[in-house]
């Protein structure tokens, strides 16, 4: 078992995974073109055991209130997996599996597994969260940073999707609980897609990537010049409080996303 970077290849696609840096996808190249923003904080990282912000870093489980570190004051954001050192369980030329054991300050014991599977025209990521004991609420998802432009002098990426609703965002960047019609971007917003996440990213004259997931929630963030984010996840921001999904001894929390690309 190792935490060294793992590189997968299929056709003209190459993916690099950095288990020692939050098990993030640190690189995705298609025909030598890098799709993900480079840098220690970027690439595509798993959000686990929660996604987005938790209000004031607090969530309730039964009669207990748990306080998470405020790493994005006044809230806690994106879970602990992205900052953890994961272990490579197995790897072949096109597939790899990685594990991470939940520890303090998360109040429950459990294991997270991420599977990475590369095909010639697609990348599939899967997350599973298991408990070693008590049931607990959790979320899982991904936070990719797609480069806004992928070629010198190339056009900016275009984002196309058709959500059923948008979660109204309050001044604290958390959903208010009200669902509204989708508004024009720029966004740092959560959208509902009950039939599953389906977002198309197009770089005119170069590539298009369809981001799909069986999950019903996606956060789209395009307020930065360098990159845009399309984040499939198992619940909305602050979902540990508003839409908890339980990890139980007989039912882990599982999520997946597939990115499929083609040349334009």
C-alpha atoms as a PDB file:
ATOM      1  CA  UNK A   1       0.000   0.000   0.000  1.00  0.00           C
ATOM      2  CA  UNK A   2       1.297   3.430  -0.923  1.00  0.00           C
ATOM      3  CA  UNK A   3       0.420   7.131  -1.053  1.00  0.00           C
ATOM      4  CA  UNK A   4       2.503   7.823  -4.154  1.00  0.00           C
ATOM      5  CA  UNK A   5       0.714   9.354  -7.119  1.00  0.00           C
ATOM      6  CA  UNK A   6      -1.048   6.915  -9.421  1.00  0.00           C
ATOM      7  CA  UNK A   7      -1.384   7.529 -13.159  1.00  0.00           C
ATOM      8  CA  UNK A   8      -4.039   5.788 -15.252  1.00  0.00           C
ATOM      9  CA  UNK A   9      -4.092   5.733 -19.056  1.00  0.00           C
ATOM     10  CA  UNK A  10      -6.675   4.722 -21.666  1.00  0.00           C
ATOM     11  CA  UNK A  11      -6.434   5.740 -25.309  1.00  0.00           C
ATOM     12  CA  UNK A  12      -5.327   9.378 -25.392  1.00  0.00           C
ATOM     13  CA  UNK A  13      -6.616  10.040 -21.838  1.00  0.00           C
ATOM     14  CA  UNK A  14      -4.372  10.263 -18.781  1.00  0.00           C
ATOM     15  CA  UNK A  15      -5.476  10.741 -15.183  1.00  0.00           C
ATOM     16  CA  UNK A  16      -3.227  11.308 -12.170  1.00  0.00           C
ATOM     17  CA  UNK A  17      -4.492  10.706  -8.623  1.00  0.00           C
ATOM     18  CA  UNK A  18      -2.685  12.100  -5.558  1.00  0.00           C
ATOM     19  CA  UNK A  19      -3.750   9.997  -2.531  1.00  0.00           C
ATOM     20  CA  UNK A  20      -1.322  11.888  -0.313  1.00  0.00           C
ATOM     21  CA  UNK A  21      -3.108  15.162  -1.123  1.00  0.00           C
ATOM     22  CA  UNK A  22      -6.724  14.364  -0.356  1.00  0.00           C
ATOM     23  CA  UNK A  23      -7.034  11.681  -3.043  1.00  0.00           C
ATOM     24  CA  UNK A  24      -7.678  14.427  -5.563  1.00  0.00           C
ATOM     25  CA  UNK A  25      -7.517  13.986  -9.295  1.00  0.00           C
ATOM     26  CA  UNK A  26      -4.523  16.246  -9.801  1.00  0.00           C
ATOM     27  CA  UNK A  27      -4.538  16.000 -13.602  1.00  0.00           C
ATOM     28  CA  UNK A  28      -6.850  14.975 -16.424  1.00  0.00           C
ATOM     29  CA  UNK A  29      -5.315  15.231 -19.874  1.00  0.00           C
ATOM     30  CA  UNK A  30      -7.075  14.480 -23.147  1.00  0.00           C
ATOM     31  CA  UNK A  31      -4.709  14.293 -26.134  1.00  0.00           C
ATOM     32  CA  UNK A  32      -2.201  16.139 -23.952  1.00  0.00           C
ATOM     33  CA  UNK A  33      -4.620  18.976 -23.094  1.00  0.00           C
ATOM     34  CA  UNK A  34      -5.029  19.614 -19.352  1.00  0.00           C
ATOM     35  CA  UNK A  35      -8.667  20.037 -18.294  1.00  0.00           C
ATOM     36  CA  UNK A  36      -8.170  20.661 -14.562  1.00  0.00           C
ATOM     37  CA  UNK A  37      -6.748  23.702 -12.843  1.00  0.00           C
ATOM     38  CA  UNK A  38      -3.300  22.911 -11.514  1.00  0.00           C
ATOM     39  CA  UNK A  39      -2.160  23.538  -7.943  1.00  0.00           C
ATOM     40  CA  UNK A  40      -2.157  21.900  -4.542  1.00  0.00           C
ATOM     41  CA  UNK A  41      -5.737  23.030  -3.718  1.00  0.00           C
ATOM     42  CA  UNK A  42      -7.269  22.363  -7.122  1.00  0.00           C
ATOM     43  CA  UNK A  43      -7.679  19.433  -9.504  1.00  0.00           C
ATOM     44  CA  UNK A  44     -10.791  17.533  -8.387  1.00  0.00           C
ATOM     45  CA  UNK A  45     -11.128  16.585  -4.734  1.00  0.00           C
ATOM     46  CA  UNK A  46     -13.677  14.376  -2.963  1.00  0.00           C
ATOM     47  CA  UNK A  47     -15.988  16.182  -0.550  1.00  0.00           C
ATOM     48  CA  UNK A  48     -16.579  13.845   2.395  1.00  0.00           C
ATOM     49  CA  UNK A  49     -18.036  13.365   5.006  1.00  0.00           C
ATOM     50  CA  UNK A  50     -19.973  16.474   3.988  1.00  0.00           C
ATOM     51  CA  UNK A  51     -20.295  18.777   0.977  1.00  0.00           C
ATOM     52  CA  UNK A  52     -20.199  22.560   0.892  1.00  0.00           C
ATOM     53  CA  UNK A  53     -20.792  24.580   4.024  1.00  0.00           C
ATOM     54  CA  UNK A  54     -22.242  23.548   7.392  1.00  0.00           C
ATOM     55  CA  UNK A  55     -23.904  26.509   9.114  1.00  0.00           C
ATOM     56  CA  UNK A  56     -21.637  27.657  11.957  1.00  0.00           C
ATOM     57  CA  UNK A  57     -19.851  24.306  11.655  1.00  0.00           C
ATOM     58  CA  UNK A  58     -22.591  22.613  13.701  1.00  0.00           C
ATOM     59  CA  UNK A  59     -24.843  19.673  12.936  1.00  0.00           C
ATOM     60  CA  UNK A  60     -27.234  17.666  15.058  1.00  0.00           C
ATOM     61  CA  UNK A  61     -27.499  13.907  15.264  1.00  0.00           C
ATOM     62  CA  UNK A  62     -30.369  12.936  17.527  1.00  0.00           C
ATOM     63  CA  UNK A  63     -29.875  14.797  20.794  1.00  0.00           C
ATOM     64  CA  UNK A  64     -26.219  15.603  20.125  1.00  0.00           C
ATOM     65  CA  UNK A  65     -24.816  18.763  18.526  1.00  0.00           C
ATOM     66  CA  UNK A  66     -21.389  18.347  16.960  1.00  0.00           C
ATOM     67  CA  UNK A  67     -18.983  21.217  16.281  1.00  0.00           C
ATOM     68  CA  UNK A  68     -16.671  21.026  13.278  1.00  0.00           C
ATOM     69  CA  UNK A  69     -13.623  23.291  12.823  1.00  0.00           C
ATOM     70  CA  UNK A  70     -14.525  26.589  11.147  1.00  0.00           C
ATOM     71  CA  UNK A  71     -12.211  26.307   8.141  1.00  0.00           C
ATOM     72  CA  UNK A  72     -14.307  28.847   6.198  1.00  0.00           C
ATOM     73  CA  UNK A  73     -15.539  31.167   8.989  1.00  0.00           C
ATOM     74  CA  UNK A  74     -18.248  31.352  10.105  1.00  0.00           C
ATOM     75  CA  UNK A  75     -18.835  27.935   8.555  1.00  0.00           C
ATOM     76  CA  UNK A  76     -17.119  24.582   8.053  1.00  0.00           C
ATOM     77  CA  UNK A  77     -16.673  23.608   4.411  1.00  0.00           C
ATOM     78  CA  UNK A  78     -16.094  20.567   2.146  1.00  0.00           C
ATOM     79  CA  UNK A  79     -15.298  17.895   4.752  1.00  0.00           C
ATOM     80  CA  UNK A  80     -11.982  16.389   5.817  1.00  0.00           C
ATOM     81  CA  UNK A  81     -11.202  13.996   2.980  1.00  0.00           C
ATOM     82  CA  UNK A  82      -9.585  16.658   0.797  1.00  0.00           C
ATOM     83  CA  UNK A  83      -6.945  17.355   3.470  1.00  0.00           C
ATOM     84  CA  UNK A  84      -6.262  13.734   4.420  1.00  0.00           C
ATOM     85  CA  UNK A  85      -3.644  11.245   3.335  1.00  0.00           C
ATOM     86  CA  UNK A  86      -5.378   8.336   1.623  1.00  0.00           C
ATOM     87  CA  UNK A  87      -3.969   4.863   0.972  1.00  0.00           C
ATOM     88  CA  UNK A  88      -3.807   3.160  -2.398  1.00  0.00           C
ATOM     89  CA  UNK A  89      -5.521  -0.201  -1.998  1.00  0.00           C
ATOM     90  CA  UNK A  90      -5.003  -1.406  -5.563  1.00  0.00           C
ATOM     91  CA  UNK A  91      -4.203  -0.041  -9.002  1.00  0.00           C
ATOM     92  CA  UNK A  92      -4.098  -1.290 -12.582  1.00  0.00           C
ATOM     93  CA  UNK A  93      -3.473   0.609 -15.813  1.00  0.00           C
ATOM     94  CA  UNK A  94      -7.057   1.917 -15.952  1.00  0.00           C
ATOM     95  CA  UNK A  95      -8.510   1.528 -12.422  1.00  0.00           C
ATOM     96  CA  UNK A  96      -7.497   2.284  -8.853  1.00  0.00           C
ATOM     97  CA  UNK A  97      -9.042   2.147  -5.369  1.00  0.00           C
ATOM     98  CA  UNK A  98      -8.138   4.354  -2.409  1.00  0.00           C
ATOM     99  CA  UNK A  99      -9.203   4.362   1.251  1.00  0.00           C
ATOM    100  CA  UNK A 100      -9.324   6.857   4.102  1.00  0.00           C
ATOM    101  CA  UNK A 101     -10.368   6.199   7.710  1.00  0.00           C
ATOM    102  CA  UNK A 102     -12.513   8.875   9.341  1.00  0.00           C
ATOM    103  CA  UNK A 103     -10.868  10.224  12.501  1.00  0.00           C
ATOM    104  CA  UNK A 104     -11.121  13.160  14.935  1.00  0.00           C
ATOM    105  CA  UNK A 105     -12.548  15.750  14.786  1.00  0.00           C
ATOM    106  CA  UNK A 106     -15.243  13.777  12.928  1.00  0.00           C
ATOM    107  CA  UNK A 107     -17.155  12.155  15.821  1.00  0.00           C
ATOM    108  CA  UNK A 108     -17.757   8.773  14.181  1.00  0.00           C
ATOM    109  CA  UNK A 109     -15.509   5.958  13.017  1.00  0.00           C
ATOM    110  CA  UNK A 110     -15.761   4.714   9.471  1.00  0.00           C
ATOM    111  CA  UNK A 111     -14.007   4.237   6.173  1.00  0.00           C
ATOM    112  CA  UNK A 112     -14.252   6.093   2.867  1.00  0.00           C
ATOM    113  CA  UNK A 113     -13.345   4.375  -0.395  1.00  0.00           C
ATOM    114  CA  UNK A 114     -12.839   6.159  -3.710  1.00  0.00           C
ATOM    115  CA  UNK A 115     -12.752   4.200  -6.953  1.00  0.00           C
ATOM    116  CA  UNK A 116     -11.293   5.784 -10.092  1.00  0.00           C
ATOM    117  CA  UNK A 117     -11.984   4.127 -13.441  1.00  0.00           C
ATOM    118  CA  UNK A 118     -10.701   5.495 -16.758  1.00  0.00           C
ATOM    119  CA  UNK A 119     -11.939   4.540 -20.218  1.00  0.00           C
ATOM    120  CA  UNK A 120     -10.907   5.991 -23.582  1.00  0.00           C
ATOM    121  CA  UNK A 121     -13.651   8.623 -23.505  1.00  0.00           C
ATOM    122  CA  UNK A 122     -14.814   8.731 -19.882  1.00  0.00           C
ATOM    123  CA  UNK A 123     -13.789   8.909 -16.242  1.00  0.00           C
ATOM    124  CA  UNK A 124     -15.949   7.410 -13.489  1.00  0.00           C
ATOM    125  CA  UNK A 125     -15.472   8.317  -9.827  1.00  0.00           C
ATOM    126  CA  UNK A 126     -17.248   6.484  -7.005  1.00  0.00           C
ATOM    127  CA  UNK A 127     -17.323   7.147  -3.273  1.00  0.00           C
ATOM    128  CA  UNK A 128     -18.486   4.825  -0.519  1.00  0.00           C
ATOM    129  CA  UNK A 129     -18.786   5.744   3.170  1.00  0.00           C
ATOM    130  CA  UNK A 130     -19.041   2.874   5.680  1.00  0.00           C
ATOM    131  CA  UNK A 131     -19.403   2.925   9.459  1.00  0.00           C
ATOM    132  CA  UNK A 132     -17.325   0.911  11.899  1.00  0.00           C
ATOM    133  CA  UNK A 133     -20.027   1.279  14.546  1.00  0.00           C
ATOM    134  CA  UNK A 134     -22.871   3.735  15.031  1.00  0.00           C
ATOM    135  CA  UNK A 135     -24.972   5.145  12.226  1.00  0.00           C
ATOM    136  CA  UNK A 136     -24.235   8.748  11.316  1.00  0.00           C
ATOM    137  CA  UNK A 137     -25.304  11.445   8.837  1.00  0.00           C
ATOM    138  CA  UNK A 138     -22.935  12.125   5.959  1.00  0.00           C
ATOM    139  CA  UNK A 139     -22.625  13.525   2.461  1.00  0.00           C
ATOM    140  CA  UNK A 140     -20.328  12.725  -0.450  1.00  0.00           C
ATOM    141  CA  UNK A 141     -19.472  14.480  -3.693  1.00  0.00           C
ATOM    142  CA  UNK A 142     -16.747  15.964  -5.857  1.00  0.00           C
ATOM    143  CA  UNK A 143     -15.328  19.439  -6.383  1.00  0.00           C
ATOM    144  CA  UNK A 144     -13.626  19.617  -9.797  1.00  0.00           C
ATOM    145  CA  UNK A 145     -11.903  22.787 -10.968  1.00  0.00           C
ATOM    146  CA  UNK A 146     -12.190  22.792 -14.770  1.00  0.00           C
ATOM    147  CA  UNK A 147      -9.925  25.262 -16.558  1.00  0.00           C
ATOM    148  CA  UNK A 148     -11.940  28.110 -18.056  1.00  0.00           C
ATOM    149  CA  UNK A 149      -9.765  27.940 -21.161  1.00  0.00           C
ATOM    150  CA  UNK A 150      -7.810  24.838 -22.189  1.00  0.00           C
ATOM    151  CA  UNK A 151      -5.821  26.148 -25.179  1.00  0.00           C
ATOM    152  CA  UNK A 152      -3.761  29.289 -25.699  1.00  0.00           C
ATOM    153  CA  UNK A 153      -6.120  31.950 -26.994  1.00  0.00           C
ATOM    154  CA  UNK A 154      -9.019  29.498 -26.874  1.00  0.00           C
ATOM    155  CA  UNK A 155     -12.617  30.371 -26.080  1.00  0.00           C
ATOM    156  CA  UNK A 156     -13.954  30.324 -22.528  1.00  0.00           C
ATOM    157  CA  UNK A 157     -15.883  27.249 -21.441  1.00  0.00           C
ATOM    158  CA  UNK A 158     -19.659  27.296 -21.891  1.00  0.00           C
ATOM    159  CA  UNK A 159     -21.880  25.693 -19.236  1.00  0.00           C
ATOM    160  CA  UNK A 160     -25.265  24.218 -20.218  1.00  0.00           C
ATOM    161  CA  UNK A 161     -27.757  22.502 -17.904  1.00  0.00           C
ATOM    162  CA  UNK A 162     -31.486  22.475 -17.201  1.00  0.00           C
ATOM    163  CA  UNK A 163     -32.160  22.250 -13.460  1.00  0.00           C
ATOM    164  CA  UNK A 164     -35.633  21.793 -12.011  1.00  0.00           C
ATOM    165  CA  UNK A 165     -34.918  24.472  -9.423  1.00  0.00           C
ATOM    166  CA  UNK A 166     -32.254  26.577  -7.765  1.00  0.00           C
ATOM    167  CA  UNK A 167     -31.789  26.724  -4.013  1.00  0.00           C
ATOM    168  CA  UNK A 168     -32.206  30.355  -3.021  1.00  0.00           C
ATOM    169  CA  UNK A 169     -28.898  31.491  -1.552  1.00  0.00           C
ATOM    170  CA  UNK A 170     -28.841  33.673   1.539  1.00  0.00           C
ATOM    171  CA  UNK A 171     -26.295  36.330   2.413  1.00  0.00           C
ATOM    172  CA  UNK A 172     -24.401  33.648   4.362  1.00  0.00           C
ATOM    173  CA  UNK A 173     -23.994  31.604   1.118  1.00  0.00           C
ATOM    174  CA  UNK A 174     -26.283  28.866   2.472  1.00  0.00           C
ATOM    175  CA  UNK A 175     -29.646  27.789   1.033  1.00  0.00           C
ATOM    176  CA  UNK A 176     -32.582  29.559   2.671  1.00  0.00           C
ATOM    177  CA  UNK A 177     -34.851  26.550   2.178  1.00  0.00           C
ATOM    178  CA  UNK A 178     -36.757  28.253  -0.654  1.00  0.00           C
ATOM    179  CA  UNK A 179     -36.615  26.857  -4.190  1.00  0.00           C
ATOM    180  CA  UNK A 180     -36.625  29.350  -7.052  1.00  0.00           C
ATOM    181  CA  UNK A 181     -36.370  29.376 -10.834  1.00  0.00           C
ATOM    182  CA  UNK A 182     -32.788  29.096 -12.043  1.00  0.00           C
ATOM    183  CA  UNK A 183     -31.168  32.510 -12.422  1.00  0.00           C
ATOM    184  CA  UNK A 184     -28.478  33.532 -14.938  1.00  0.00           C
ATOM    185  CA  UNK A 185     -24.846  33.176 -13.807  1.00  0.00           C
ATOM    186  CA  UNK A 186     -22.341  33.850 -12.503  1.00  0.00           C
ATOM    187  CA  UNK A 187     -23.149  31.265  -9.843  1.00  0.00           C
ATOM    188  CA  UNK A 188     -22.057  29.951  -6.504  1.00  0.00           C
ATOM    189  CA  UNK A 189     -25.320  28.088  -6.188  1.00  0.00           C
ATOM    190  CA  UNK A 190     -26.934  24.721  -5.633  1.00  0.00           C
ATOM    191  CA  UNK A 191     -29.412  23.301  -8.141  1.00  0.00           C
ATOM    192  CA  UNK A 192     -31.824  20.388  -8.043  1.00  0.00           C
ATOM    193  CA  UNK A 193     -31.886  17.853 -10.871  1.00  0.00           C
ATOM    194  CA  UNK A 194     -34.300  15.087  -9.762  1.00  0.00           C
ATOM    195  CA  UNK A 195     -33.568  12.904 -12.792  1.00  0.00           C
ATOM    196  CA  UNK A 196     -29.842  13.029 -12.048  1.00  0.00           C
ATOM    197  CA  UNK A 197     -27.093  15.591 -12.547  1.00  0.00           C
ATOM    198  CA  UNK A 198     -26.394  16.351 -16.214  1.00  0.00           C
ATOM    199  CA  UNK A 199     -24.191  19.358 -17.060  1.00  0.00           C
ATOM    200  CA  UNK A 200     -22.399  19.982 -20.366  1.00  0.00           C
ATOM    201  CA  UNK A 201     -19.112  21.872 -20.474  1.00  0.00           C
ATOM    202  CA  UNK A 202     -18.018  22.977 -23.944  1.00  0.00           C
ATOM    203  CA  UNK A 203     -14.755  24.568 -25.017  1.00  0.00           C
ATOM    204  CA  UNK A 204     -15.657  25.742 -28.566  1.00  0.00           C
ATOM    205  CA  UNK A 205     -13.433  24.227 -31.217  1.00  0.00           C
ATOM    206  CA  UNK A 206     -11.729  21.926 -28.726  1.00  0.00           C
ATOM    207  CA  UNK A 207     -13.593  19.587 -26.358  1.00  0.00           C
ATOM    208  CA  UNK A 208     -16.855  19.021 -24.572  1.00  0.00           C
ATOM    209  CA  UNK A 209     -17.321  17.155 -21.299  1.00  0.00           C
ATOM    210  CA  UNK A 210     -20.661  15.914 -19.981  1.00  0.00           C
ATOM    211  CA  UNK A 211     -20.747  15.641 -16.181  1.00  0.00           C
ATOM    212  CA  UNK A 212     -23.406  13.166 -15.076  1.00  0.00           C
ATOM    213  CA  UNK A 213     -24.375  11.592 -11.762  1.00  0.00           C
ATOM    214  CA  UNK A 214     -27.343   9.635 -10.391  1.00  0.00           C
ATOM    215  CA  UNK A 215     -27.376  12.156  -7.547  1.00  0.00           C
ATOM    216  CA  UNK A 216     -29.939  14.973  -7.594  1.00  0.00           C
ATOM    217  CA  UNK A 217     -27.844  17.912  -6.427  1.00  0.00           C
ATOM    218  CA  UNK A 218     -25.152  19.958  -8.123  1.00  0.00           C
ATOM    219  CA  UNK A 219     -23.313  23.124  -7.102  1.00  0.00           C
ATOM    220  CA  UNK A 220     -22.083  25.279  -9.976  1.00  0.00           C
ATOM    221  CA  UNK A 221     -19.384  27.839  -9.195  1.00  0.00           C
ATOM    222  CA  UNK A 222     -18.039  30.095 -11.943  1.00  0.00           C
ATOM    223  CA  UNK A 223     -17.101  33.307 -10.151  1.00  0.00           C
ATOM    224  CA  UNK A 224     -13.344  32.918 -10.715  1.00  0.00           C
ATOM    225  CA  UNK A 225     -11.458  33.803 -13.881  1.00  0.00           C
ATOM    226  CA  UNK A 226      -9.240  30.718 -13.920  1.00  0.00           C
ATOM    227  CA  UNK A 227     -11.714  27.861 -13.540  1.00  0.00           C
ATOM    228  CA  UNK A 228     -15.307  26.728 -13.171  1.00  0.00           C
ATOM    229  CA  UNK A 229     -16.674  24.052 -10.834  1.00  0.00           C
ATOM    230  CA  UNK A 230     -19.490  21.554 -11.387  1.00  0.00           C
ATOM    231  CA  UNK A 231     -19.976  19.606  -8.155  1.00  0.00           C
ATOM    232  CA  UNK A 232     -22.286  16.561  -8.050  1.00  0.00           C
ATOM    233  CA  UNK A 233     -23.201  15.710  -4.475  1.00  0.00           C
ATOM    234  CA  UNK A 234     -25.624  13.682  -2.365  1.00  0.00           C
ATOM    235  CA  UNK A 235     -27.317  16.694  -0.784  1.00  0.00           C
ATOM    236  CA  UNK A 236     -27.349  20.494  -0.669  1.00  0.00           C
ATOM    237  CA  UNK A 237     -24.976  22.694   1.337  1.00  0.00           C
ATOM    238  CA  UNK A 238     -25.812  22.438   5.057  1.00  0.00           C
ATOM    239  CA  UNK A 239     -27.437  19.131   4.174  1.00  0.00           C
ATOM    240  CA  UNK A 240     -26.220  17.418   7.353  1.00  0.00           C
ATOM    241  CA  UNK A 241     -28.872  19.584   9.023  1.00  0.00           C
ATOM    242  CA  UNK A 242     -31.527  19.934   6.328  1.00  0.00           C
ATOM    243  CA  UNK A 243     -31.391  16.705   4.279  1.00  0.00           C
ATOM    244  CA  UNK A 244     -29.305  14.135   6.197  1.00  0.00           C
ATOM    245  CA  UNK A 245     -28.430  10.795   4.617  1.00  0.00           C
ATOM    246  CA  UNK A 246     -27.577   8.106   7.156  1.00  0.00           C
ATOM    247  CA  UNK A 247     -24.650   5.738   6.940  1.00  0.00           C
ATOM    248  CA  UNK A 248     -25.745   2.559   8.729  1.00  0.00           C
ATOM    249  CA  UNK A 249     -24.035  -0.784   9.411  1.00  0.00           C
ATOM    250  CA  UNK A 250     -26.126  -2.374   6.631  1.00  0.00           C
ATOM    251  CA  UNK A 251     -26.328   0.557   4.206  1.00  0.00           C
ATOM    252  CA  UNK A 252     -23.248   2.607   3.283  1.00  0.00           C
ATOM    253  CA  UNK A 253     -23.548   5.975   1.566  1.00  0.00           C
ATOM    254  CA  UNK A 254     -22.594   5.572  -2.087  1.00  0.00           C
ATOM    255  CA  UNK A 255     -22.246   8.131  -4.874  1.00  0.00           C
ATOM    256  CA  UNK A 256     -20.799   8.227  -8.365  1.00  0.00           C
ATOM    257  CA  UNK A 257     -20.153  10.589 -11.249  1.00  0.00           C
ATOM    258  CA  UNK A 258     -19.079   9.976 -14.836  1.00  0.00           C
ATOM    259  CA  UNK A 259     -17.451  12.530 -17.120  1.00  0.00           C
ATOM    260  CA  UNK A 260     -17.684  11.728 -20.815  1.00  0.00           C
ATOM    261  CA  UNK A 261     -15.756  13.741 -23.381  1.00  0.00           C
ATOM    262  CA  UNK A 262     -15.602  14.201 -27.116  1.00  0.00           C
ATOM    263  CA  UNK A 263     -13.614  16.390 -29.485  1.00  0.00           C
ATOM    264  CA  UNK A 264     -15.348  19.315 -31.193  1.00  0.00           C
END
